[in-house]
Amino acid sequence: MKSVLRSLKEVVGEKLLVVPARDLAVRAGSARAINVVMLGVFNAHARLFADDVVYEAIKSVLPGRAGEVSVKAYELGKAFYAERAKSA
């Protein structure tokens, strides 16, 4: 794995962002929320959607606990990106 990351850094440079998506998803409450963590990272970078639109979409598709976990996963993804962007 380290050799893959090293190779990617050679091609992409220091802008490579390795996201511990599974760890963040588990912290949110479910490893199944990996994709929502990545949505949070992506949207924090690209700023395509307003957060309230994302929250509404998540809650409409995933009611109850699944929605709560997904909102938390989205927020953790955003926070991860924001922290890395500050130090870059």
N, C-alpha and C. Protein backbone atom coordinates (compact mmCIF):
# COMPACT_ATOMS: atom_id res chain seq x y z
N MET A 1 0.83 -1.20 0.00
CA MET A 1 0.00 0.00 0.00
C MET A 1 0.87 1.26 0.00
N LYS A 2 1.94 1.23 0.79
CA LYS A 2 2.81 2.41 0.85
C LYS A 2 3.47 2.68 -0.49
N SER A 3 3.81 1.62 -1.22
CA SER A 3 4.43 1.83 -2.53
C SER A 3 3.43 2.43 -3.52
N VAL A 4 2.17 2.06 -3.40
CA VAL A 4 1.13 2.64 -4.25
C VAL A 4 0.99 4.13 -3.95
N LEU A 5 0.93 4.47 -2.68
CA LEU A 5 0.82 5.88 -2.30
C LEU A 5 2.04 6.67 -2.75
N ARG A 6 3.20 6.07 -2.61
CA ARG A 6 4.43 6.74 -3.05
C ARG A 6 4.38 7.00 -4.56
N SER A 7 3.92 6.01 -5.31
CA SER A 7 3.81 6.17 -6.77
C SER A 7 2.79 7.24 -7.14
N LEU A 8 1.67 7.25 -6.44
CA LEU A 8 0.65 8.27 -6.70
C LEU A 8 1.19 9.67 -6.40
N LYS A 9 1.92 9.80 -5.30
CA LYS A 9 2.50 11.11 -4.96
C LYS A 9 3.48 11.57 -6.03
N GLU A 10 4.20 10.63 -6.63
CA GLU A 10 5.13 11.00 -7.70
C GLU A 10 4.39 11.57 -8.90
N VAL A 11 3.20 11.03 -9.18
CA VAL A 11 2.42 11.47 -10.34
C VAL A 11 1.61 12.71 -10.01
N VAL A 12 0.91 12.68 -8.89
CA VAL A 12 -0.02 13.75 -8.53
C VAL A 12 0.68 14.89 -7.81
N GLY A 13 1.68 14.57 -7.03
CA GLY A 13 2.37 15.58 -6.25
C GLY A 13 1.78 15.68 -4.85
N GLU A 14 2.12 16.76 -4.20
CA GLU A 14 1.70 16.94 -2.80
C GLU A 14 0.20 17.21 -2.64
N LYS A 15 -0.50 17.42 -3.74
CA LYS A 15 -1.94 17.67 -3.65
C LYS A 15 -2.74 16.40 -3.41
N LEU A 16 -2.07 15.25 -3.44
CA LEU A 16 -2.75 13.98 -3.19
C LEU A 16 -3.34 13.99 -1.79
N LEU A 17 -4.61 13.70 -1.69
CA LEU A 17 -5.29 13.65 -0.40
C LEU A 17 -5.77 12.23 -0.17
N VAL A 18 -5.20 11.58 0.82
CA VAL A 18 -5.61 10.23 1.19
C VAL A 18 -6.63 10.36 2.31
N VAL A 19 -7.83 9.90 2.05
CA VAL A 19 -8.94 10.05 3.00
C VAL A 19 -9.15 8.73 3.73
N PRO A 20 -9.10 8.75 5.06
CA PRO A 20 -9.40 7.54 5.82
C PRO A 20 -10.92 7.34 5.92
N ALA A 21 -11.53 7.14 4.76
CA ALA A 21 -12.99 7.14 4.66
C ALA A 21 -13.65 6.08 5.54
N ARG A 22 -13.08 4.89 5.56
CA ARG A 22 -13.69 3.83 6.37
C ARG A 22 -13.64 4.20 7.85
N ASP A 23 -12.51 4.69 8.31
CA ASP A 23 -12.39 5.09 9.72
C ASP A 23 -13.39 6.18 10.07
N LEU A 24 -13.53 7.16 9.20
CA LEU A 24 -14.48 8.24 9.45
C LEU A 24 -15.92 7.72 9.43
N ALA A 25 -16.22 6.82 8.51
CA ALA A 25 -17.57 6.25 8.44
C ALA A 25 -17.89 5.46 9.70
N VAL A 26 -16.95 4.68 10.17
CA VAL A 26 -17.16 3.92 11.42
C VAL A 26 -17.37 4.89 12.57
N ARG A 27 -16.60 5.96 12.60
CA ARG A 27 -16.78 6.98 13.64
C ARG A 27 -18.17 7.61 13.58
N ALA A 28 -18.70 7.73 12.36
CA ALA A 28 -20.05 8.28 12.19
C ALA A 28 -21.12 7.30 12.65
N GLY A 29 -20.78 6.01 12.64
CA GLY A 29 -21.75 5.02 13.11
C GLY A 29 -21.92 3.81 12.23
N SER A 30 -21.34 3.81 11.03
CA SER A 30 -21.47 2.66 10.14
C SER A 30 -20.44 2.71 9.03
N ALA A 31 -19.74 1.60 8.84
CA ALA A 31 -18.76 1.52 7.74
C ALA A 31 -19.45 1.69 6.39
N ARG A 32 -20.74 1.43 6.34
CA ARG A 32 -21.48 1.57 5.08
C ARG A 32 -21.60 3.02 4.63
N ALA A 33 -21.23 3.96 5.47
CA ALA A 33 -21.36 5.38 5.15
C ALA A 33 -20.11 5.95 4.47
N ILE A 34 -19.23 5.07 4.00
CA ILE A 34 -17.99 5.52 3.34
C ILE A 34 -18.30 6.49 2.20
N ASN A 35 -19.29 6.16 1.39
CA ASN A 35 -19.60 7.01 0.24
C ASN A 35 -20.04 8.41 0.66
N VAL A 36 -20.71 8.51 1.80
CA VAL A 36 -21.17 9.82 2.25
C VAL A 36 -20.00 10.62 2.83
N VAL A 37 -19.05 9.94 3.45
CA VAL A 37 -17.82 10.61 3.87
C VAL A 37 -17.16 11.24 2.65
N MET A 38 -17.04 10.45 1.59
CA MET A 38 -16.39 10.94 0.37
C MET A 38 -17.19 12.08 -0.27
N LEU A 39 -18.52 12.02 -0.17
CA LEU A 39 -19.34 13.13 -0.65
C LEU A 39 -19.01 14.40 0.13
N GLY A 40 -18.84 14.27 1.43
CA GLY A 40 -18.48 15.42 2.25
C GLY A 40 -17.14 16.01 1.85
N VAL A 41 -16.16 15.15 1.62
CA VAL A 41 -14.84 15.61 1.19
C VAL A 41 -14.95 16.30 -0.17
N PHE A 42 -15.62 15.63 -1.10
CA PHE A 42 -15.76 16.18 -2.45
C PHE A 42 -16.49 17.52 -2.44
N ASN A 43 -17.60 17.60 -1.72
CA ASN A 43 -18.38 18.83 -1.74
C ASN A 43 -17.66 19.96 -1.00
N ALA A 44 -16.87 19.63 0.01
CA ALA A 44 -16.08 20.65 0.69
C ALA A 44 -15.06 21.24 -0.27
N HIS A 45 -14.54 20.42 -1.16
CA HIS A 45 -13.56 20.89 -2.15
C HIS A 45 -14.25 21.61 -3.32
N ALA A 46 -15.25 20.96 -3.90
CA ALA A 46 -15.86 21.48 -5.14
C ALA A 46 -16.95 22.52 -4.90
N ARG A 47 -17.58 22.47 -3.74
CA ARG A 47 -18.66 23.40 -3.38
C ARG A 47 -19.77 23.43 -4.43
N LEU A 48 -20.19 22.24 -4.84
CA LEU A 48 -21.26 22.15 -5.84
C LEU A 48 -22.65 22.33 -5.24
N PHE A 49 -22.83 21.85 -4.02
CA PHE A 49 -24.16 21.86 -3.41
C PHE A 49 -24.11 22.57 -2.06
N ALA A 50 -25.16 23.31 -1.77
CA ALA A 50 -25.28 23.91 -0.44
C ALA A 50 -25.49 22.79 0.57
N ASP A 51 -24.92 22.93 1.75
CA ASP A 51 -25.04 21.88 2.76
C ASP A 51 -26.48 21.54 3.09
N ASP A 52 -27.34 22.56 3.18
CA ASP A 52 -28.74 22.26 3.52
C ASP A 52 -29.41 21.39 2.46
N VAL A 53 -29.02 21.54 1.21
CA VAL A 53 -29.55 20.70 0.13
C VAL A 53 -29.09 19.26 0.32
N VAL A 54 -27.83 19.09 0.67
CA VAL A 54 -27.29 17.74 0.90
C VAL A 54 -27.99 17.10 2.09
N TYR A 55 -28.13 17.84 3.19
CA TYR A 55 -28.79 17.29 4.37
C TYR A 55 -30.22 16.87 4.05
N GLU A 56 -30.93 17.71 3.32
CA GLU A 56 -32.31 17.39 2.95
C GLU A 56 -32.36 16.14 2.07
N ALA A 57 -31.45 16.03 1.13
CA ALA A 57 -31.42 14.86 0.25
C ALA A 57 -31.12 13.59 1.05
N ILE A 58 -30.16 13.66 1.94
CA ILE A 58 -29.82 12.50 2.76
C ILE A 58 -31.02 12.06 3.58
N LYS A 59 -31.64 13.01 4.25
CA LYS A 59 -32.76 12.67 5.14
C LYS A 59 -33.98 12.18 4.37
N SER A 60 -34.16 12.63 3.13
CA SER A 60 -35.32 12.17 2.35
C SER A 60 -35.11 10.75 1.84
N VAL A 61 -33.86 10.38 1.58
CA VAL A 61 -33.56 9.04 1.07
C VAL A 61 -33.33 8.06 2.21
N LEU A 62 -32.75 8.54 3.30
CA LEU A 62 -32.40 7.67 4.42
C LEU A 62 -33.01 8.21 5.71
N PRO A 63 -34.24 7.86 5.99
CA PRO A 63 -34.87 8.35 7.22
C PRO A 63 -34.30 7.63 8.46
N GLY A 64 -34.54 8.21 9.61
CA GLY A 64 -34.17 7.56 10.86
C GLY A 64 -32.67 7.52 11.11
N ARG A 65 -32.24 6.44 11.76
CA ARG A 65 -30.84 6.31 12.16
C ARG A 65 -29.89 6.34 10.96
N ALA A 66 -30.25 5.71 9.86
CA ALA A 66 -29.37 5.71 8.68
C ALA A 66 -29.12 7.14 8.20
N GLY A 67 -30.15 7.97 8.24
CA GLY A 67 -29.99 9.36 7.85
C GLY A 67 -29.10 10.12 8.82
N GLU A 68 -29.28 9.86 10.10
CA GLU A 68 -28.45 10.52 11.12
C GLU A 68 -26.98 10.15 10.96
N VAL A 69 -26.72 8.87 10.73
CA VAL A 69 -25.35 8.40 10.53
C VAL A 69 -24.77 9.04 9.27
N SER A 70 -25.56 9.11 8.22
CA SER A 70 -25.08 9.68 6.96
C SER A 70 -24.79 11.17 7.08
N VAL A 71 -25.61 11.90 7.80
CA VAL A 71 -25.35 13.32 8.03
C VAL A 71 -24.04 13.48 8.80
N LYS A 72 -23.85 12.66 9.82
CA LYS A 72 -22.60 12.71 10.60
C LYS A 72 -21.41 12.37 9.70
N ALA A 73 -21.56 11.36 8.84
CA ALA A 73 -20.48 10.97 7.93
C ALA A 73 -20.15 12.12 6.97
N TYR A 74 -21.17 12.78 6.45
CA TYR A 74 -20.96 13.92 5.56
C TYR A 74 -20.18 15.02 6.29
N GLU A 75 -20.58 15.30 7.51
CA GLU A 75 -19.92 16.34 8.29
C GLU A 75 -18.47 15.98 8.60
N LEU A 76 -18.21 14.70 8.90
CA LEU A 76 -16.84 14.27 9.17
C LEU A 76 -15.98 14.39 7.91
N GLY A 77 -16.55 14.07 6.76
CA GLY A 77 -15.82 14.22 5.50
C GLY A 77 -15.48 15.68 5.24
N LYS A 78 -16.45 16.56 5.45
CA LYS A 78 -16.21 18.00 5.28
C LYS A 78 -15.13 18.50 6.22
N ALA A 79 -15.23 18.07 7.47
CA ALA A 79 -14.26 18.51 8.48
C ALA A 79 -12.85 18.00 8.16
N PHE A 80 -12.76 16.77 7.68
CA PHE A 80 -11.46 16.22 7.30
C PHE A 80 -10.85 17.08 6.20
N TYR A 81 -11.62 17.39 5.19
CA TYR A 81 -11.10 18.21 4.09
C TYR A 81 -10.70 19.60 4.59
N ALA A 82 -11.54 20.20 5.40
CA ALA A 82 -11.26 21.55 5.90
C ALA A 82 -9.95 21.58 6.69
N GLU A 83 -9.73 20.56 7.50
CA GLU A 83 -8.50 20.49 8.30
C GLU A 83 -7.28 20.34 7.40
N ARG A 84 -7.39 19.51 6.38
CA ARG A 84 -6.27 19.30 5.46
C ARG A 84 -6.03 20.55 4.60
N ALA A 85 -7.09 21.23 4.22
CA ALA A 85 -6.96 22.43 3.40
C ALA A 85 -6.25 23.54 4.17
N LYS A 86 -6.49 23.60 5.48
CA LYS A 86 -5.83 24.62 6.31
C LYS A 86 -4.32 24.39 6.38
N SER A 87 -3.94 23.12 6.43
CA SER A 87 -2.51 22.82 6.59
C SER A 87 -1.77 22.75 5.25
N ALA A 88 -2.50 22.89 4.16
CA ALA A 88 -1.86 22.81 2.83
C ALA A 88 -1.29 24.13 2.38
